[in-house]
Amino acid sequence: MSDRAAFLGLVLMMAVTPGEVLLPIYLSSATEGFWALGLLTLVFTAGTVLGMTLLAALATAGYSILRLERWARYEGAILGGALILIGFLVLAHQH
């Protein structure tokens, strides 16, 4: 596999995965064993389904009162902060 194909595969995986922020926690837990990884998978699945269901219900109900568009300009900073926080959590878990 070429470097370009590997890079494009990683970018594609991150683009289609709704929980890419959680990948470091998920991958670092692989050393804990099969059952821990399975439990983590179930928790992430439940969280994703519940989160998507809640957001779809809010959108369907017409919750324009939340005014989420004002947070759109901070999306990069919020995602960056979440990634940094997860990095610290992974470091604390390993040591």
C-alpha atoms as a PDB file:
ATOM      1  CA  MET A   1       0.000   0.000   0.000  1.00  0.00           C
ATOM      2  CA  SER A   2       1.348   3.398  -0.879  1.00  0.00           C
ATOM      3  CA  ASP A   3       1.673   6.248   1.589  1.00  0.00           C
ATOM      4  CA  ARG A   4      -0.931   8.182  -0.370  1.00  0.00           C
ATOM      5  CA  ALA A   5      -3.462   5.333  -0.113  1.00  0.00           C
ATOM      6  CA  ALA A   6      -2.833   4.975   3.639  1.00  0.00           C
ATOM      7  CA  PHE A   7      -3.231   8.725   4.152  1.00  0.00           C
ATOM      8  CA  LEU A   8      -6.440   8.886   2.112  1.00  0.00           C
ATOM      9  CA  GLY A   9      -7.786   5.857   3.985  1.00  0.00           C
ATOM     10  CA  LEU A  10      -7.178   7.530   7.349  1.00  0.00           C
ATOM     11  CA  VAL A  11      -8.739  10.788   6.179  1.00  0.00           C
ATOM     12  CA  LEU A  12     -11.759   8.909   4.827  1.00  0.00           C
ATOM     13  CA  MET A  13     -12.127   6.961   8.080  1.00  0.00           C
ATOM     14  CA  MET A  14     -12.092  10.169  10.116  1.00  0.00           C
ATOM     15  CA  ALA A  15     -14.546  11.835   7.734  1.00  0.00           C
ATOM     16  CA  VAL A  16     -17.178   9.102   7.963  1.00  0.00           C
ATOM     17  CA  THR A  17     -16.736   8.245  11.651  1.00  0.00           C
ATOM     18  CA  PRO A  18     -18.912  10.376  13.942  1.00  0.00           C
ATOM     19  CA  GLY A  19     -16.791   9.566  16.991  1.00  0.00           C
ATOM     20  CA  GLU A  20     -13.282  10.295  15.755  1.00  0.00           C
ATOM     21  CA  VAL A  21     -12.670  12.272  18.917  1.00  0.00           C
ATOM     22  CA  LEU A  22     -13.052   9.029  20.882  1.00  0.00           C
ATOM     23  CA  LEU A  23     -10.609   7.000  18.771  1.00  0.00           C
ATOM     24  CA  PRO A  24      -7.585   7.563  21.075  1.00  0.00           C
ATOM     25  CA  ILE A  25      -9.521   6.205  24.069  1.00  0.00           C
ATOM     26  CA  TYR A  26     -10.861   3.312  22.045  1.00  0.00           C
ATOM     27  CA  LEU A  27      -7.476   2.343  20.627  1.00  0.00           C
ATOM     28  CA  SER A  28      -5.648   2.696  23.943  1.00  0.00           C
ATOM     29  CA  SER A  29      -8.148   0.365  25.615  1.00  0.00           C
ATOM     30  CA  ALA A  30      -7.252  -2.454  23.212  1.00  0.00           C
ATOM     31  CA  THR A  31      -4.542  -3.576  25.626  1.00  0.00           C
ATOM     32  CA  GLU A  32      -7.129  -4.113  28.388  1.00  0.00           C
ATOM     33  CA  GLY A  33      -8.547  -7.254  26.809  1.00  0.00           C
ATOM     34  CA  PHE A  34     -11.402  -8.412  24.638  1.00  0.00           C
ATOM     35  CA  TRP A  35     -14.185  -7.885  27.187  1.00  0.00           C
ATOM     36  CA  ALA A  36     -13.130  -4.310  28.000  1.00  0.00           C
ATOM     37  CA  LEU A  37     -12.981  -3.517  24.300  1.00  0.00           C
ATOM     38  CA  GLY A  38     -16.407  -5.080  23.783  1.00  0.00           C
ATOM     39  CA  LEU A  39     -17.906  -3.126  26.672  1.00  0.00           C
ATOM     40  CA  LEU A  40     -16.373   0.102  25.403  1.00  0.00           C
ATOM     41  CA  THR A  41     -17.802  -0.619  21.957  1.00  0.00           C
ATOM     42  CA  LEU A  42     -21.276  -1.093  23.436  1.00  0.00           C
ATOM     43  CA  VAL A  43     -20.992   2.136  25.453  1.00  0.00           C
ATOM     44  CA  PHE A  44     -19.810   4.126  22.422  1.00  0.00           C
ATOM     45  CA  THR A  45     -22.588   2.614  20.300  1.00  0.00           C
ATOM     46  CA  ALA A  46     -25.256   3.484  22.866  1.00  0.00           C
ATOM     47  CA  GLY A  47     -23.864   7.001  23.268  1.00  0.00           C
ATOM     48  CA  THR A  48     -23.791   7.561  19.516  1.00  0.00           C
ATOM     49  CA  VAL A  49     -27.328   6.267  18.995  1.00  0.00           C
ATOM     50  CA  LEU A  50     -28.705   8.259  21.938  1.00  0.00           C
ATOM     51  CA  GLY A  51     -26.888  11.414  20.857  1.00  0.00           C
ATOM     52  CA  MET A  52     -28.064  11.150  17.257  1.00  0.00           C
ATOM     53  CA  THR A  53     -31.613  10.375  18.396  1.00  0.00           C
ATOM     54  CA  LEU A  54     -31.635  13.386  20.722  1.00  0.00           C
ATOM     55  CA  LEU A  55     -30.301  15.734  18.060  1.00  0.00           C
ATOM     56  CA  ALA A  56     -32.782  14.422  15.490  1.00  0.00           C
ATOM     57  CA  ALA A  57     -35.632  14.875  17.976  1.00  0.00           C
ATOM     58  CA  LEU A  58     -34.521  18.433  18.739  1.00  0.00           C
ATOM     59  CA  ALA A  59     -34.263  19.254  15.047  1.00  0.00           C
ATOM     60  CA  THR A  60     -37.643  17.695  14.339  1.00  0.00           C
ATOM     61  CA  ALA A  61     -39.272  19.615  17.161  1.00  0.00           C
ATOM     62  CA  GLY A  62     -37.867  22.840  15.723  1.00  0.00           C
ATOM     63  CA  TYR A  63     -35.691  23.946  18.601  1.00  0.00           C
ATOM     64  CA  SER A  64     -34.436  27.131  16.982  1.00  0.00           C
ATOM     65  CA  ILE A  65     -34.284  28.600  20.481  1.00  0.00           C
ATOM     66  CA  LEU A  66     -30.919  26.838  20.960  1.00  0.00           C
ATOM     67  CA  ARG A  67     -29.400  29.051  18.241  1.00  0.00           C
ATOM     68  CA  LEU A  68     -26.597  26.602  17.506  1.00  0.00           C
ATOM     69  CA  GLU A  69     -25.410  28.642  14.534  1.00  0.00           C
ATOM     70  CA  ARG A  70     -23.662  31.048  16.908  1.00  0.00           C
ATOM     71  CA  TRP A  71     -21.432  28.161  18.054  1.00  0.00           C
ATOM     72  CA  ALA A  72     -20.475  27.216  14.480  1.00  0.00           C
ATOM     73  CA  ARG A  73     -17.553  29.622  14.398  1.00  0.00           C
ATOM     74  CA  TYR A  74     -16.079  27.967  17.518  1.00  0.00           C
ATOM     75  CA  GLU A  75     -16.377  24.435  16.137  1.00  0.00           C
ATOM     76  CA  GLY A  76     -12.622  24.097  15.523  1.00  0.00           C
ATOM     77  CA  ALA A  77     -11.713  25.363  18.991  1.00  0.00           C
ATOM     78  CA  ILE A  78     -14.262  23.082  20.672  1.00  0.00           C
ATOM     79  CA  LEU A  79     -13.013  20.050  18.730  1.00  0.00           C
ATOM     80  CA  GLY A  80      -9.385  20.979  19.478  1.00  0.00           C
ATOM     81  CA  GLY A  81     -10.156  21.331  23.178  1.00  0.00           C
ATOM     82  CA  ALA A  82     -11.912  17.959  23.204  1.00  0.00           C
ATOM     83  CA  LEU A  83      -8.921  16.306  21.515  1.00  0.00           C
ATOM     84  CA  ILE A  84      -6.503  17.850  24.024  1.00  0.00           C
ATOM     85  CA  LEU A  85      -8.686  16.725  26.935  1.00  0.00           C
ATOM     86  CA  ILE A  86      -8.864  13.192  25.554  1.00  0.00           C
ATOM     87  CA  GLY A  87      -5.086  13.208  25.114  1.00  0.00           C
ATOM     88  CA  PHE A  88      -4.657  14.086  28.787  1.00  0.00           C
ATOM     89  CA  LEU A  89      -7.129  11.364  29.777  1.00  0.00           C
ATOM     90  CA  VAL A  90      -5.212   8.792  27.732  1.00  0.00           C
ATOM     91  CA  LEU A  91      -1.926   9.881  29.333  1.00  0.00           C
ATOM     92  CA  ALA A  92      -3.439   9.671  32.818  1.00  0.00           C
ATOM     93  CA  HIS A  93      -4.848   6.224  32.073  1.00  0.00           C
ATOM     94  CA  GLN A  94      -1.489   4.845  30.915  1.00  0.00           C
ATOM     95  CA  HIS A  95       0.551   6.062  33.895  1.00  0.00           C
END
